[in-house]
Amino acid sequence: MATTTSVNKKKTKSLTQRTKQVFFCKKKNYIMKHHFYLILSLLFLLFGCSITKLQKKGEVEPQNFHSKLTFKTYKGVIGFEGSVNGDIKTFLFDTGADFCLLQRDSIVGKKSNFSGASKRKMKLGNERLESLVIGGIKFINTHALNGDFVGLKEQVPNFGGLIGQSIIQKANWLIDYPNKLIEISNRSLVDNTYKEIETIRDNGNNPYTFIEVNGKRYKVVIDLGSTSTLNLPKDSQFAKDIMNLIDLNENSRERYTLGGLQNITEKIGVIPTVKLGGFDFSNVDVNINTSSQPRIGINFFKDYLIYIDNSNGGIFKLKKGVVE
């Protein structure tokens, strides 16, 4: 009995020691894991802050301004003329771009890697854009990125780059898409016939909103630089819900994002009704493929006037358009 008791005590002590070791090991892993997530969160926060800080660089001349110009479309995306340091080029309007992107045959300035809507990466340079004039309005000393956008520059004659948030957030923009007109001003450009839609500024000051499909709400980025109507990442819950809701077909096409042209295969279909704010959008085209996040592109708004009110936090307002 004495021996058995002694053995049981040793076993008990051994088990207790192992339990403590496992507990402390798990506790250490838990702390390390959450410490890692904390550091990662802080890095994202700092990166987001640095983007916002860089976007605010620069100013507009004159202080009070108003201009109205026509635009063309390139696969639906808005394009208009702008003068970079006196050189007139065609620029695409892209609310999904953090900064103005300049077409250069060789990279200028400090190089960094950036990813686009398709998750592909491209090395771009950083620079201070001394002057960009749009419709007589001069945006000076703004932060910009630059690179050689092979695949895109061939599709847009005299391509100069993308107008991103570092330019967009410095003015109010009224886009009359049906009549291909755009107004830019520091003053209000709309009346109470325009309806405000829920707008969230997130992820480097990009505009997000919520759309409703089949009674469920989904967060999407408002990306006016995207040719899609509604684009969903193939592994997202939103995409899975749509696959269970409607019939989809396979489609192959050529797509441009950062990193160049690529041939992709995707699923496409039509959603009977999508709700946004107080508006109902009927027969909405959806494509599901490899992409970074759910987005509504410029073709989602093809029948509307779009107002970006940067005097009031960058909120979006809409009004049904009429072709004149």
Protein backbone atom coordinates (compact mmCIF):
# COMPACT_ATOMS: atom_id res chain seq x y z
CA MET A 1 0.00 0.00 0.00
CA ALA A 2 2.81 2.35 0.93
CA THR A 3 4.55 1.79 -2.44
CA THR A 4 1.36 2.24 -4.38
CA THR A 5 0.66 5.47 -2.51
CA SER A 6 4.19 6.70 -3.24
CA VAL A 7 3.82 5.92 -6.95
CA ASN A 8 0.44 7.67 -7.09
CA LYS A 9 1.92 10.72 -5.41
CA LYS A 10 4.74 10.83 -7.96
CA LYS A 11 2.21 10.42 -10.75
CA THR A 12 0.04 13.16 -9.24
CA LYS A 13 3.03 15.47 -8.92
CA SER A 14 4.14 14.69 -12.47
CA LEU A 15 0.65 15.30 -13.85
CA THR A 16 0.39 18.55 -11.90
CA GLN A 17 3.74 19.74 -13.26
CA ARG A 18 2.73 18.85 -16.83
CA THR A 19 -0.64 20.60 -16.39
CA LYS A 20 1.16 23.73 -15.17
CA GLN A 21 3.61 23.56 -18.09
CA VAL A 22 0.76 23.20 -20.59
CA PHE A 23 -1.15 26.03 -18.89
CA PHE A 24 1.80 28.41 -18.93
CA CYS A 25 2.68 27.38 -22.48
CA LYS A 26 -0.89 28.08 -23.62
CA LYS A 27 -0.92 31.33 -21.66
CA LYS A 28 2.38 32.35 -23.26
CA ASN A 29 1.06 31.48 -26.73
CA TYR A 30 -2.17 33.36 -25.98
CA ILE A 31 -0.22 36.45 -24.91
CA MET A 32 2.13 36.21 -27.88
CA LYS A 33 -0.77 35.68 -30.28
CA HIS A 34 -2.75 38.64 -28.95
CA HIS A 35 0.41 40.74 -28.70
CA PHE A 36 0.98 39.98 -32.39
CA TYR A 37 -2.59 40.99 -33.27
CA LEU A 38 -2.19 44.16 -31.22
CA ILE A 39 1.03 45.05 -33.08
CA LEU A 40 -0.64 44.21 -36.39
CA SER A 41 -3.64 46.39 -35.52
CA LEU A 42 -1.34 49.24 -34.52
CA LEU A 43 0.56 48.89 -37.80
CA PHE A 44 -2.70 49.07 -39.75
CA LEU A 45 -3.75 52.07 -37.66
CA LEU A 46 -0.42 53.83 -38.19
CA PHE A 47 -0.47 53.00 -41.91
CA GLY A 48 -4.03 54.31 -42.18
CA CYS A 49 -3.02 57.49 -40.33
CA SER A 50 -0.02 57.97 -42.61
CA ILE A 51 -2.25 57.60 -45.70
CA THR A 52 -4.71 60.16 -44.35
CA LYS A 53 -1.88 62.55 -43.49
CA LEU A 54 -0.38 62.27 -46.98
CA GLN A 55 -3.80 62.72 -48.59
CA LYS A 56 -4.20 66.07 -46.82
CA LYS A 57 -0.97 67.46 -48.20
CA GLY A 58 -1.32 70.30 -50.71
CA GLU A 59 -3.84 73.03 -51.39
CA VAL A 60 -6.10 74.46 -54.08
CA GLU A 61 -5.85 77.74 -55.96
CA PRO A 62 -7.87 79.90 -56.01
CA GLN A 63 -9.48 79.43 -52.59
CA ASN A 64 -12.96 79.97 -54.05
CA PHE A 65 -13.44 78.00 -57.24
CA HIS A 66 -16.05 76.54 -59.55
CA SER A 67 -15.62 74.79 -62.89
CA LYS A 68 -17.77 72.74 -65.23
CA LEU A 69 -16.38 70.36 -67.83
CA THR A 70 -17.39 67.46 -70.04
CA PHE A 71 -15.93 63.99 -69.75
CA LYS A 72 -15.54 60.87 -71.84
CA THR A 73 -15.81 57.29 -70.63
CA TYR A 74 -13.36 54.43 -71.03
CA LYS A 75 -15.21 51.13 -70.47
CA GLY A 76 -17.56 53.24 -68.37
CA VAL A 77 -14.89 54.94 -66.22
CA ILE A 78 -14.87 58.75 -66.22
CA GLY A 79 -11.95 60.43 -67.99
CA PHE A 80 -11.13 64.11 -68.51
CA GLU A 81 -8.22 66.39 -69.30
CA GLY A 82 -5.78 67.66 -66.71
CA SER A 83 -2.53 69.56 -66.99
CA VAL A 84 0.51 68.25 -65.08
CA ASN A 85 3.09 70.98 -64.81
CA GLY A 86 1.79 72.38 -68.11
CA ASP A 87 1.54 69.03 -69.94
CA ILE A 88 -2.08 68.19 -70.90
CA LYS A 89 -3.06 64.54 -70.32
CA THR A 90 -6.17 62.38 -69.91
CA PHE A 91 -6.91 61.26 -66.35
CA LEU A 92 -9.35 58.66 -65.04
CA PHE A 93 -11.47 59.49 -61.96
CA ASP A 94 -11.00 56.82 -59.28
CA THR A 95 -12.53 57.10 -55.78
CA GLY A 96 -10.92 53.74 -54.93
CA ALA A 97 -7.37 55.11 -55.33
CA ASP A 98 -5.75 56.52 -52.17
CA PHE A 99 -3.61 58.96 -54.15
CA CYS A 100 -3.23 60.52 -57.56
CA LEU A 101 -1.30 58.07 -59.76
CA LEU A 102 0.91 59.46 -62.52
CA GLN A 103 1.95 57.62 -65.66
CA ARG A 104 5.75 57.68 -65.96
CA ASP A 105 7.91 55.47 -68.16
CA SER A 106 10.36 55.10 -65.28
CA ILE A 107 9.72 55.32 -61.55
CA VAL A 108 10.54 58.57 -59.76
CA GLY A 109 11.17 58.89 -56.01
CA LYS A 110 11.15 56.41 -53.13
CA LYS A 111 9.77 53.03 -54.22
CA SER A 112 7.08 51.07 -52.37
CA ASN A 113 4.90 48.04 -53.14
CA PHE A 114 1.17 48.64 -53.54
CA SER A 115 -1.70 46.23 -54.17
CA GLY A 116 -4.78 46.80 -56.30
CA ALA A 117 -8.34 45.51 -56.46
CA SER A 118 -7.20 42.08 -57.72
CA LYS A 119 -4.66 41.71 -54.85
CA ARG A 120 -1.77 41.95 -57.34
CA LYS A 121 1.20 44.09 -56.33
CA MET A 122 3.10 46.75 -58.23
CA LYS A 123 6.16 48.79 -57.32
CA LEU A 124 5.41 52.54 -57.47
CA GLY A 125 7.35 55.70 -56.74
CA ASN A 126 6.37 58.48 -54.32
CA GLU A 127 6.55 62.14 -55.32
CA ARG A 128 5.22 65.63 -54.64
CA LEU A 129 3.02 66.75 -57.50
CA GLU A 130 3.77 70.44 -57.94
CA SER A 131 0.75 71.26 -60.07
CA LEU A 132 -2.31 69.51 -61.49
CA VAL A 133 -4.86 71.78 -63.20
CA ILE A 134 -8.40 70.56 -63.87
CA GLY A 135 -10.83 72.99 -65.49
CA GLY A 136 -8.73 75.97 -64.43
CA ILE A 137 -8.54 74.78 -60.81
CA LYS A 138 -4.99 74.23 -59.61
CA PHE A 139 -4.15 71.49 -57.09
CA ILE A 140 -0.63 72.17 -55.85
CA ASN A 141 1.96 70.22 -53.85
CA THR A 142 -0.21 67.11 -53.42
CA HIS A 143 1.18 63.64 -52.72
CA ALA A 144 1.21 61.30 -55.71
CA LEU A 145 2.42 57.87 -56.77
CA ASN A 146 3.96 57.09 -60.14
CA GLY A 147 4.74 54.13 -62.35
CA ASP A 148 4.48 52.69 -65.83
CA PHE A 149 0.91 51.40 -66.19
CA VAL A 150 1.42 49.02 -69.08
CA GLY A 151 -1.91 47.65 -70.27
CA LEU A 152 -3.85 50.72 -69.18
CA LYS A 153 -1.92 53.44 -70.97
CA GLU A 154 -2.56 51.66 -74.27
CA GLN A 155 -6.33 51.83 -73.71
CA VAL A 156 -6.55 55.54 -72.87
CA PRO A 157 -5.12 57.94 -75.46
CA ASN A 158 -2.59 60.38 -73.97
CA PHE A 159 -2.97 58.68 -70.59
CA GLY A 160 -1.77 60.77 -67.65
CA GLY A 161 -2.85 58.69 -64.67
CA LEU A 162 -5.62 58.40 -62.06
CA ILE A 163 -7.28 61.13 -60.00
CA GLY A 164 -7.39 59.63 -56.49
CA GLN A 165 -8.36 60.69 -52.98
CA SER A 166 -5.41 63.07 -52.50
CA ILE A 167 -7.07 65.27 -55.16
CA ILE A 168 -10.74 64.28 -54.83
CA GLN A 169 -11.09 65.14 -51.13
CA LYS A 170 -9.99 68.75 -51.73
CA ALA A 171 -13.19 69.71 -53.60
CA ASN A 172 -16.90 68.95 -54.02
CA TRP A 173 -17.69 66.94 -57.16
CA LEU A 174 -21.03 66.75 -58.96
CA ILE A 175 -21.02 64.03 -61.64
CA ASP A 176 -23.90 64.04 -64.11
CA TYR A 177 -23.16 60.64 -65.60
CA PRO A 178 -26.06 60.44 -68.10
CA ASN A 179 -25.05 63.80 -69.67
CA LYS A 180 -21.27 63.32 -69.25
CA LEU A 181 -20.80 66.54 -67.26
CA ILE A 182 -18.82 67.19 -64.08
CA GLU A 183 -18.71 70.22 -61.76
CA ILE A 184 -15.95 70.97 -59.25
CA SER A 185 -16.24 73.58 -56.51
CA ASN A 186 -15.48 74.51 -52.93
CA ARG A 187 -19.16 75.49 -52.55
CA SER A 188 -22.28 73.34 -52.36
CA LEU A 189 -23.51 72.22 -55.79
CA VAL A 190 -26.80 70.49 -54.92
CA ASP A 191 -30.22 71.15 -53.39
CA ASN A 192 -32.55 69.07 -51.22
CA THR A 193 -33.70 66.97 -54.18
CA TYR A 194 -30.53 64.91 -53.73
CA LYS A 195 -30.73 62.04 -51.25
CA GLU A 196 -27.82 61.28 -48.93
CA ILE A 197 -26.66 57.68 -48.77
CA GLU A 198 -24.90 56.21 -45.75
CA THR A 199 -21.19 56.90 -46.23
CA ILE A 200 -18.36 55.53 -44.12
CA ARG A 201 -14.78 56.71 -44.58
CA ASP A 202 -12.44 53.82 -43.88
CA ASN A 203 -9.23 52.10 -45.02
CA GLY A 204 -7.27 55.22 -46.00
CA ASN A 205 -10.32 57.50 -46.33
CA ASN A 206 -11.95 55.37 -49.03
CA PRO A 207 -15.76 55.71 -49.25
CA TYR A 208 -17.89 52.74 -48.13
CA THR A 209 -21.63 52.25 -47.93
CA PHE A 210 -24.16 49.48 -47.31
CA ILE A 211 -26.36 47.84 -49.92
CA GLU A 212 -29.22 45.45 -49.30
CA VAL A 213 -29.86 42.24 -51.21
CA ASN A 214 -32.66 39.83 -50.31
CA GLY A 215 -33.11 41.48 -46.91
CA LYS A 216 -29.42 41.35 -45.90
CA ARG A 217 -27.05 44.33 -45.64
CA TYR A 218 -23.52 44.20 -47.03
CA LYS A 219 -20.66 46.69 -46.76
CA VAL A 220 -19.15 47.72 -50.11
CA VAL A 221 -16.56 50.25 -51.23
CA ILE A 222 -17.74 52.93 -53.68
CA ASP A 223 -15.09 52.52 -56.36
CA LEU A 224 -15.85 54.80 -59.31
CA GLY A 225 -12.61 53.67 -60.94
CA SER A 226 -13.99 50.15 -61.34
CA THR A 227 -15.76 49.16 -64.56
CA SER A 228 -17.90 46.64 -62.66
CA THR A 229 -21.45 47.20 -61.55
CA LEU A 230 -21.16 44.97 -58.49
CA ASN A 231 -17.96 42.97 -57.94
CA LEU A 232 -17.54 40.37 -55.18
CA PRO A 233 -14.49 38.41 -53.94
CA LYS A 234 -15.15 34.74 -54.68
CA ASP A 235 -14.50 33.62 -51.08
CA SER A 236 -16.65 36.31 -49.42
CA GLN A 237 -19.89 35.56 -47.60
CA PHE A 238 -21.63 38.01 -49.91
CA ALA A 239 -20.55 35.94 -52.93
CA LYS A 240 -21.69 32.70 -51.28
CA ASP A 241 -25.10 34.24 -50.58
CA ILE A 242 -25.45 35.36 -54.19
CA MET A 243 -24.45 31.90 -55.49
CA ASN A 244 -27.35 30.47 -53.48
CA LEU A 245 -29.74 33.19 -54.64
CA ILE A 246 -29.36 33.41 -58.44
CA ASP A 247 -28.12 31.41 -61.42
CA LEU A 248 -24.58 32.26 -62.51
CA ASN A 249 -22.61 31.62 -65.69
CA GLU A 250 -18.88 31.24 -66.35
CA ASN A 251 -17.20 34.15 -68.14
CA SER A 252 -13.65 34.78 -69.37
CA ARG A 253 -12.31 38.26 -70.03
CA GLU A 254 -9.32 40.56 -69.85
CA ARG A 255 -9.02 42.77 -66.76
CA TYR A 256 -6.69 45.60 -65.82
CA THR A 257 -5.63 46.35 -62.25
CA LEU A 258 -2.34 47.37 -60.67
CA GLY A 259 0.26 45.01 -62.08
CA GLY A 260 -1.10 45.01 -65.64
CA LEU A 261 -3.57 43.13 -67.79
CA GLN A 262 -4.61 39.60 -66.92
CA ASN A 263 -7.03 37.03 -68.32
CA ILE A 264 -9.52 35.95 -65.69
CA THR A 265 -12.39 33.49 -65.33
CA GLU A 266 -15.34 34.59 -63.23
CA LYS A 267 -18.97 33.92 -62.45
CA ILE A 268 -21.54 36.43 -63.69
CA GLY A 269 -25.26 36.93 -63.18
CA VAL A 270 -28.04 39.44 -62.62
CA ILE A 271 -29.52 40.34 -59.22
CA PRO A 272 -33.21 41.36 -59.58
CA THR A 273 -33.10 44.15 -56.94
CA VAL A 274 -30.38 45.88 -54.94
CA LYS A 275 -31.28 48.60 -52.43
CA LEU A 276 -29.03 51.56 -51.63
CA GLY A 277 -30.38 54.20 -49.28
CA GLY A 278 -33.81 55.17 -50.57
CA PHE A 279 -33.09 53.87 -54.07
CA ASP A 280 -33.94 50.55 -55.71
CA PHE A 281 -31.58 49.35 -58.46
CA SER A 282 -33.09 46.76 -60.79
CA ASN A 283 -31.35 43.98 -62.75
CA VAL A 284 -27.91 44.62 -61.33
CA ASP A 285 -25.01 42.85 -63.05
CA VAL A 286 -22.72 41.02 -60.62
CA ASN A 287 -19.36 39.40 -61.23
CA ILE A 288 -17.55 37.15 -58.76
CA ASN A 289 -13.80 36.67 -59.05
CA THR A 290 -10.50 37.20 -57.26
CA SER A 291 -10.68 40.68 -55.75
CA SER A 292 -9.78 42.45 -52.53
CA GLN A 293 -13.24 43.49 -51.29
CA PRO A 294 -16.89 43.87 -52.37
CA ARG A 295 -17.33 47.01 -54.49
CA ILE A 296 -19.88 48.93 -56.49
CA GLY A 297 -18.32 50.49 -59.58
CA ILE A 298 -19.22 53.36 -61.86
CA ASN A 299 -21.71 51.31 -63.90
CA PHE A 300 -23.82 50.88 -60.77
CA PHE A 301 -24.54 54.64 -61.00
CA LYS A 302 -24.88 54.97 -64.79
CA ASP A 303 -28.41 56.46 -64.53
CA TYR A 304 -27.62 58.85 -61.67
CA LEU A 305 -26.13 62.17 -60.68
CA ILE A 306 -23.48 61.54 -58.02
CA TYR A 307 -22.46 64.23 -55.53
CA ILE A 308 -19.35 63.86 -53.38
CA ASP A 309 -19.73 66.42 -50.59
CA ASN A 310 -16.23 66.90 -49.19
CA SER A 311 -17.36 70.06 -47.36
CA ASN A 312 -19.32 67.70 -45.10
CA GLY A 313 -17.06 64.71 -44.48
CA GLY A 314 -17.09 63.23 -47.98
CA ILE A 315 -20.68 61.98 -47.90
CA PHE A 316 -22.32 60.80 -51.13
CA LYS A 317 -25.67 62.05 -52.40
CA LEU A 318 -27.66 60.73 -55.37
CA LYS A 319 -30.39 61.86 -57.73
CA LYS A 320 -31.93 60.00 -60.67
CA GLY A 321 -30.60 61.54 -63.85
CA VAL A 322 -32.35 62.66 -67.02
CA VAL A 323 -30.62 62.73 -70.38
CA GLU A 324 -30.84 66.25 -71.80
